[in-house]
PDB file of N, CA and C in Angstrom:
ATOM      1  N   MET A   1      78.200 133.821  54.795  1.00  0.00           N
ATOM      2  CA  MET A   1      79.319 132.768  53.505  1.00  0.00           C
ATOM      3  C   MET A   1      77.625 132.981  52.408  1.00  0.00           C
ATOM      4  N   ARG A   2      76.956 132.087  52.489  1.00  0.00           N
ATOM      5  CA  ARG A   2      76.003 131.355  51.703  1.00  0.00           C
ATOM      6  C   ARG A   2      74.789 133.032  51.125  1.00  0.00           C
ATOM      7  N   LEU A   3      74.875 134.142  51.875  1.00  0.00           N
ATOM      8  CA  LEU A   3      74.309 135.347  51.379  1.00  0.00           C
ATOM      9  C   LEU A   3      74.807 136.277  50.304  1.00  0.00           C
ATOM     10  N   LEU A   4      76.003 136.210  50.551  1.00  0.00           N
ATOM     11  CA  LEU A   4      77.083 136.838  49.597  1.00  0.00           C
ATOM     12  C   LEU A   4      76.982 136.028  48.660  1.00  0.00           C
ATOM     13  N   ILE A   5      76.809 134.257  48.922  1.00  0.00           N
ATOM     14  CA  ILE A   5      76.510 133.946  47.034  1.00  0.00           C
ATOM     15  C   ILE A   5      75.600 134.195  46.620  1.00  0.00           C
ATOM     16  N   ALA A   6      74.137 134.058  47.033  1.00  0.00           N
ATOM     17  CA  ALA A   6      73.253 134.117  46.590  1.00  0.00           C
ATOM     18  C   ALA A   6      72.950 135.223  46.068  1.00  0.00           C
ATOM     19  N   LEU A   7      73.769 136.725  46.131  1.00  0.00           N
ATOM     20  CA  LEU A   7      73.807 138.240  45.803  1.00  0.00           C
ATOM     21  C   LEU A   7      74.528 137.862  44.809  1.00  0.00           C
ATOM     22  N   LEU A   8      76.008 136.860  44.290  1.00  0.00           N
ATOM     23  CA  LEU A   8      76.812 137.506  43.670  1.00  0.00           C
ATOM     24  C   LEU A   8      76.624 136.859  42.670  1.00  0.00           C
ATOM     25  N   LEU A   9      76.574 135.572  42.811  1.00  0.00           N
ATOM     26  CA  LEU A   9      75.991 133.850  42.054  1.00  0.00           C
ATOM     27  C   LEU A   9      74.855 133.066  42.645  1.00  0.00           C
ATOM     28  N   PRO A  10      73.860 133.616  42.686  1.00  0.00           N
ATOM     29  CA  PRO A  10      72.893 133.350  42.662  1.00  0.00           C
ATOM     30  C   PRO A  10      72.603 131.224  42.539  1.00  0.00           C
ATOM     31  N   TRP A  11      73.033 130.810  41.168  1.00  0.00           N
ATOM     32  CA  TRP A  11      73.114 129.956  40.652  1.00  0.00           C
ATOM     33  C   TRP A  11      73.418 128.750  41.532  1.00  0.00           C
ATOM     34  N   LEU A  12      74.805 129.457  42.241  1.00  0.00           N
ATOM     35  CA  LEU A  12      75.970 128.371  43.323  1.00  0.00           C
ATOM     36  C   LEU A  12      75.123 128.061  43.623  1.00  0.00           C
ATOM     37  N   LEU A  13      74.197 129.279  44.906  1.00  0.00           N
ATOM     38  CA  LEU A  13      73.193 128.925  46.294  1.00  0.00           C
ATOM     39  C   LEU A  13      73.209 128.051  46.220  1.00  0.00           C
ATOM     40  N   PHE A  14      72.152 127.360  45.259  1.00  0.00           N
ATOM     41  CA  PHE A  14      71.228 126.460  45.105  1.00  0.00           C
ATOM     42  C   PHE A  14      72.100 124.413  45.105  1.00  0.00           C
ATOM     43  N   PHE A  15      72.801 125.474  43.930  1.00  0.00           N
ATOM     44  CA  PHE A  15      73.736 123.583  44.166  1.00  0.00           C
ATOM     45  C   PHE A  15      74.461 123.175  46.055  1.00  0.00           C
ATOM     46  N   THR A  16      74.746 124.621  46.551  1.00  0.00           N
ATOM     47  CA  THR A  16      75.305 124.561  47.890  1.00  0.00           C
ATOM     48  C   THR A  16      74.537 123.817  48.912  1.00  0.00           C
ATOM     49  N   ILE A  17      72.685 124.022  48.184  1.00  0.00           N
ATOM     50  CA  ILE A  17      71.760 123.047  49.388  1.00  0.00           C
ATOM     51  C   ILE A  17      71.208 122.749  48.336  1.00  0.00           C
ATOM     52  N   GLY A  18      71.699 121.775  47.517  1.00  0.00           N
ATOM     53  CA  GLY A  18      71.189 120.547  47.592  1.00  0.00           C
ATOM     54  C   GLY A  18      69.815 120.606  46.330  1.00  0.00           C
ATOM     55  N   ARG A  19      69.869 121.123  45.500  1.00  0.00           N
ATOM     56  CA  ARG A  19      68.714 122.005  44.345  1.00  0.00           C
ATOM     57  C   ARG A  19      69.541 121.924  43.391  1.00  0.00           C
ATOM     58  N   PRO A  20      70.251 120.704  42.929  1.00  0.00           N
ATOM     59  CA  PRO A  20      70.910 121.430  41.036  1.00  0.00           C
ATOM     60  C   PRO A  20      70.048 121.802  40.218  1.00  0.00           C
ATOM     61  N   ILE A  21      68.602 121.077  40.348  1.00  0.00           N
ATOM     62  CA  ILE A  21      67.770 122.017  38.716  1.00  0.00           C
ATOM     63  C   ILE A  21      67.371 122.915  39.021  1.00  0.00           C
ATOM     64  N   ALA A  22      66.904 123.222  40.364  1.00  0.00           N
ATOM     65  CA  ALA A  22      66.558 124.807  40.553  1.00  0.00           C
ATOM     66  C   ALA A  22      68.034 125.813  39.765  1.00  0.00           C
ATOM     67  N   GLY A  23      69.369 124.903  40.548  1.00  0.00           N
ATOM     68  CA  GLY A  23      70.912 126.220  40.307  1.00  0.00           C
ATOM     69  C   GLY A  23      71.380 125.943  38.594  1.00  0.00           C
ATOM     70  N   ILE A  24      70.363 124.870  37.595  1.00  0.00           N
ATOM     71  CA  ILE A  24      70.351 124.922  36.117  1.00  0.00           C
ATOM     72  C   ILE A  24      69.269 126.325  35.746  1.00  0.00           C
ATOM     73  N   VAL A  25      68.228 126.006  36.499  1.00  0.00           N
ATOM     74  CA  VAL A  25      67.179 127.222  35.834  1.00  0.00           C
ATOM     75  C   VAL A  25      67.309 128.017  36.282  1.00  0.00           C
ATOM     76  N   CYS A  26      68.588 128.758  37.299  1.00  0.00           N
ATOM     77  CA  CYS A  26      68.510 130.109  37.588  1.00  0.00           C
ATOM     78  C   CYS A  26      69.637 131.032  36.737  1.00  0.00           C
ATOM     79  N   LEU A  27      70.930 129.689  36.757  1.00  0.00           N
ATOM     80  CA  LEU A  27      71.139 129.984  35.947  1.00  0.00           C
ATOM     81  C   LEU A  27      71.199 130.463  34.772  1.00  0.00           C
ATOM     82  N   ILE A  28      70.147 129.729  33.835  1.00  0.00           N
ATOM     83  CA  ILE A  28      69.291 130.257  32.527  1.00  0.00           C
ATOM     84  C   ILE A  28      69.170 131.721  32.692  1.00  0.00           C
ATOM     85  N   LEU A  29      68.250 131.849  33.853  1.00  0.00           N
ATOM     86  CA  LEU A  29      67.827 133.087  34.181  1.00  0.00           C
ATOM     87  C   LEU A  29      68.951 134.387  34.575  1.00  0.00           C
ATOM     88  N   GLN A  30      69.797 133.533  35.288  1.00  0.00           N
ATOM     89  CA  GLN A  30      70.506 134.686  35.905  1.00  0.00           C
ATOM     90  C   GLN A  30      71.334 135.349  34.206  1.00  0.00           C
ATOM     91  N   ILE A  31      71.169 134.705  33.081  1.00  0.00           N
ATOM     92  CA  ILE A  31      72.602 134.901  31.928  1.00  0.00           C
ATOM     93  C   ILE A  31      71.998 136.468  31.697  1.00  0.00           C
ATOM     94  N   THR A  32      70.417 136.988  31.315  1.00  0.00           N
ATOM     95  CA  THR A  32      70.429 137.671  31.290  1.00  0.00           C
ATOM     96  C   THR A  32      70.313 139.078  32.949  1.00  0.00           C
ATOM     97  N   VAL A  33      70.865 140.471  32.050  1.00  0.00           N
ATOM     98  CA  VAL A  33      71.119 140.700  33.241  1.00  0.00           C
ATOM     99  C   VAL A  33      69.542 141.513  33.708  1.00  0.00           C
ATOM    100  N   ILE A  34      68.674 142.124  33.620  1.00  0.00           N
ATOM    101  CA  ILE A  34      66.938 141.445  34.166  1.00  0.00           C
ATOM    102  C   ILE A  34      67.034 141.038  34.828  1.00  0.00           C
ATOM    103  N   GLY A  35      67.088 139.412  34.492  1.00  0.00           N
ATOM    104  CA  GLY A  35      67.404 137.969  35.498  1.00  0.00           C
ATOM    105  C   GLY A  35      67.606 137.469  36.646  1.00  0.00           C
ATOM    106  N   TRP A  36      69.473 138.604  36.314  1.00  0.00           N
ATOM    107  CA  TRP A  36      70.292 138.326  37.953  1.00  0.00           C
ATOM    108  C   TRP A  36      69.469 138.916  38.628  1.00  0.00           C
ATOM    109  N   VAL A  37      68.719 140.217  38.585  1.00  0.00           N
ATOM    110  CA  VAL A  37      68.036 140.556  39.992  1.00  0.00           C
ATOM    111  C   VAL A  37      67.188 139.892  40.744  1.00  0.00           C
ATOM    112  N   VAL A  38      66.147 139.193  39.701  1.00  0.00           N
ATOM    113  CA  VAL A  38      65.267 137.893  39.916  1.00  0.00           C
ATOM    114  C   VAL A  38      65.608 136.765  40.583  1.00  0.00           C
ATOM    115  N   ALA A  39      67.291 136.505  39.672  1.00  0.00           N
ATOM    116  CA  ALA A  39      67.775 135.469  40.122  1.00  0.00           C
ATOM    117  C   ALA A  39      68.111 134.989  41.255  1.00  0.00           C
ATOM    118  N   ALA A  40      68.915 136.305  42.112  1.00  0.00           N
ATOM    119  CA  ALA A  40      69.178 137.047  43.315  1.00  0.00           C
ATOM    120  C   ALA A  40      67.806 136.830  44.344  1.00  0.00           C
ATOM    121  N   ILE A  41      67.379 137.370  43.993  1.00  0.00           N
ATOM    122  CA  ILE A  41      65.355 137.426  45.353  1.00  0.00           C
ATOM    123  C   ILE A  41      65.494 136.180  45.243  1.00  0.00           C
ATOM    124  N   TRP A  42      65.235 135.614  44.265  1.00  0.00           N
ATOM    125  CA  TRP A  42      64.775 133.686  44.370  1.00  0.00           C
ATOM    126  C   TRP A  42      66.067 133.309  45.142  1.00  0.00           C
ATOM    127  N   ALA A  43      67.427 133.210  44.960  1.00  0.00           N
ATOM    128  CA  ALA A  43      68.417 132.711  45.296  1.00  0.00           C
ATOM    129  C   ALA A  43      67.816 132.840  47.130  1.00  0.00           C
ATOM    130  N   VAL A  44      68.342 134.207  47.542  1.00  0.00           N
ATOM    131  CA  VAL A  44      67.810 134.711  48.831  1.00  0.00           C
ATOM    132  C   VAL A  44      66.510 134.149  49.715  1.00  0.00           C
ATOM    133  N   TYR A  45      65.854 134.145  48.936  1.00  0.00           N
ATOM    134  CA  TYR A  45      64.117 133.692  49.725  1.00  0.00           C
ATOM    135  C   TYR A  45      64.608 131.664  49.441  1.00  0.00           C
ATOM    136  N   ALA A  46      65.258 131.379  48.782  1.00  0.00           N
ATOM    137  CA  ALA A  46      65.100 129.686  48.970  1.00  0.00           C
ATOM    138  C   ALA A  46      66.665 129.419  49.989  1.00  0.00           C
ATOM    139  N   LEU A  47      67.431 130.262  50.218  1.00  0.00           N
ATOM    140  CA  LEU A  47      68.397 130.632  51.135  1.00  0.00           C
ATOM    141  C   LEU A  47      67.012 130.585  52.525  1.00  0.00           C
ATOM    142  N   SER A  48      66.645 131.536  52.696  1.00  0.00           N
ATOM    143  CA  SER A  48      66.055 131.534  54.277  1.00  0.00           C
ATOM    144  C   SER A  48      64.795 130.371  54.103  1.00  0.00           C
ATOM    145  N   GLN A  49      64.881 129.017  53.480  1.00  0.00           N
ATOM    146  CA  GLN A  49      63.302 128.411  53.308  1.00  0.00           C
ATOM    147  C   GLN A  49      64.348 127.443  53.590  1.00  0.00           C
ATOM    148  N   TYR A  50      65.739 127.174  53.629  1.00  0.00           N
ATOM    149  CA  TYR A  50      66.900 126.025  54.087  1.00  0.00           C
ATOM    150  C   TYR A  50      67.305 126.000  55.349  1.00  0.00           C
ATOM    151  N   LYS A  51      67.363 126.985  55.539  1.00  0.00           N
ATOM    152  CA  LYS A  51      67.789 127.874  56.988  1.00  0.00           C
ATOM    153  C   LYS A  51      66.522 127.350  58.499  1.00  0.00           C
ATOM    154  N   THR A  52      65.446 127.782  57.477  1.00  0.00           N
ATOM    155  CA  THR A  52      64.262 127.236  58.493  1.00  0.00           C
ATOM    156  C   THR A  52      63.908 126.174  58.493  1.00  0.00           C
ATOM    157  N   ASP A  53      63.641 125.571  57.565  1.00  0.00           N
ATOM    158  CA  ASP A  53      63.901 123.826  56.848  1.00  0.00           C
ATOM    159  C   ASP A  53      64.917 123.344  58.279  1.00  0.00           C
ATOM    160  N   LYS A  54      65.947 123.544  58.310  1.00  0.00           N
ATOM    161  CA  LYS A  54      67.275 122.900  59.398  1.00  0.00           C
ATOM    162  C   LYS A  54      66.946 123.022  60.799  1.00  0.00           C
ATOM    163  N   LYS A  55      66.626 124.112  61.009  1.00  0.00           N
ATOM    164  CA  LYS A  55      65.829 124.610  62.004  1.00  0.00           C
ATOM    165  C   LYS A  55      65.364 123.220  62.804  1.00  0.00           C
ATOM    166  N   ILE A  56      63.508 123.374  61.474  1.00  0.00           N
ATOM    167  CA  ILE A  56      62.654 122.630  61.790  1.00  0.00           C
ATOM    168  C   ILE A  56      63.122 121.350  62.407  1.00  0.00           C
ATOM    169  N   GLU A  57      63.814 120.512  61.705  1.00  0.00           N
ATOM    170  CA  GLU A  57      64.926 119.731  61.861  1.00  0.00           C
ATOM    171  C   GLU A  57      65.435 119.433  62.864  1.00  0.00           C
ATOM    172  N   ALA A  58      66.082 119.600  63.586  1.00  0.00           N
ATOM    173  CA  ALA A  58      66.660 119.928  64.247  1.00  0.00           C
ATOM    174  C   ALA A  58      65.891 120.143  65.743  1.00  0.00           C
ATOM    175  N   ALA A  59      65.009 120.741  65.764  1.00  0.00           N
ATOM    176  CA  ALA A  59      63.619 120.526  67.223  1.00  0.00           C
ATOM    177  C   ALA A  59      63.523 119.844  66.487  1.00  0.00           C
ATOM    178  N   GLN A  60      62.677 118.862  66.215  1.00  0.00           N
ATOM    179  CA  GLN A  60      62.514 117.700  65.820  1.00  0.00           C
ATOM    180  C   GLN A  60      62.772 116.948  66.128  1.00  0.00           C
ATOM    181  N   LEU A  61      64.009 116.616  65.609  1.00  0.00           N
ATOM    182  CA  LEU A  61      65.239 115.531  66.327  1.00  0.00           C
ATOM    183  C   LEU A  61      65.390 115.852  68.021  1.00  0.00           C
ATOM    184  N   LEU A  62      65.243 116.771  68.246  1.00  0.00           N
ATOM    185  CA  LEU A  62      65.114 117.069  69.705  1.00  0.00           C
ATOM    186  C   LEU A  62      63.960 116.626  70.554  1.00  0.00           C
ATOM    187  N   ASN A  63      63.282 116.815  70.274  1.00  0.00           N
ATOM    188  CA  ASN A  63      61.460 116.567  70.670  1.00  0.00           C
ATOM    189  C   ASN A  63      61.789 115.099  70.246  1.00  0.00           C
ATOM    190  N   GLN A  64      62.859 114.042  69.728  1.00  0.00           N
ATOM    191  CA  GLN A  64      62.180 112.629  69.275  1.00  0.00           C
ATOM    192  C   GLN A  64      62.528 111.855  71.107  1.00  0.00           C
TER     193      GLN A  64
END
């Protein structure tokens, strides 16, 4: 679901993963048509980083 949001409304993804300032910057970038492509790529990358961070946190909790 978040991947679909990242492609259609990239700025909204940043708010769902707890990065509101990046969401505002992404919204400004998305206003232009060319910027939308860049914003979508940035959002997909941020989503993959978010998932990786969550997996690392879960592994660290298990090792404690």
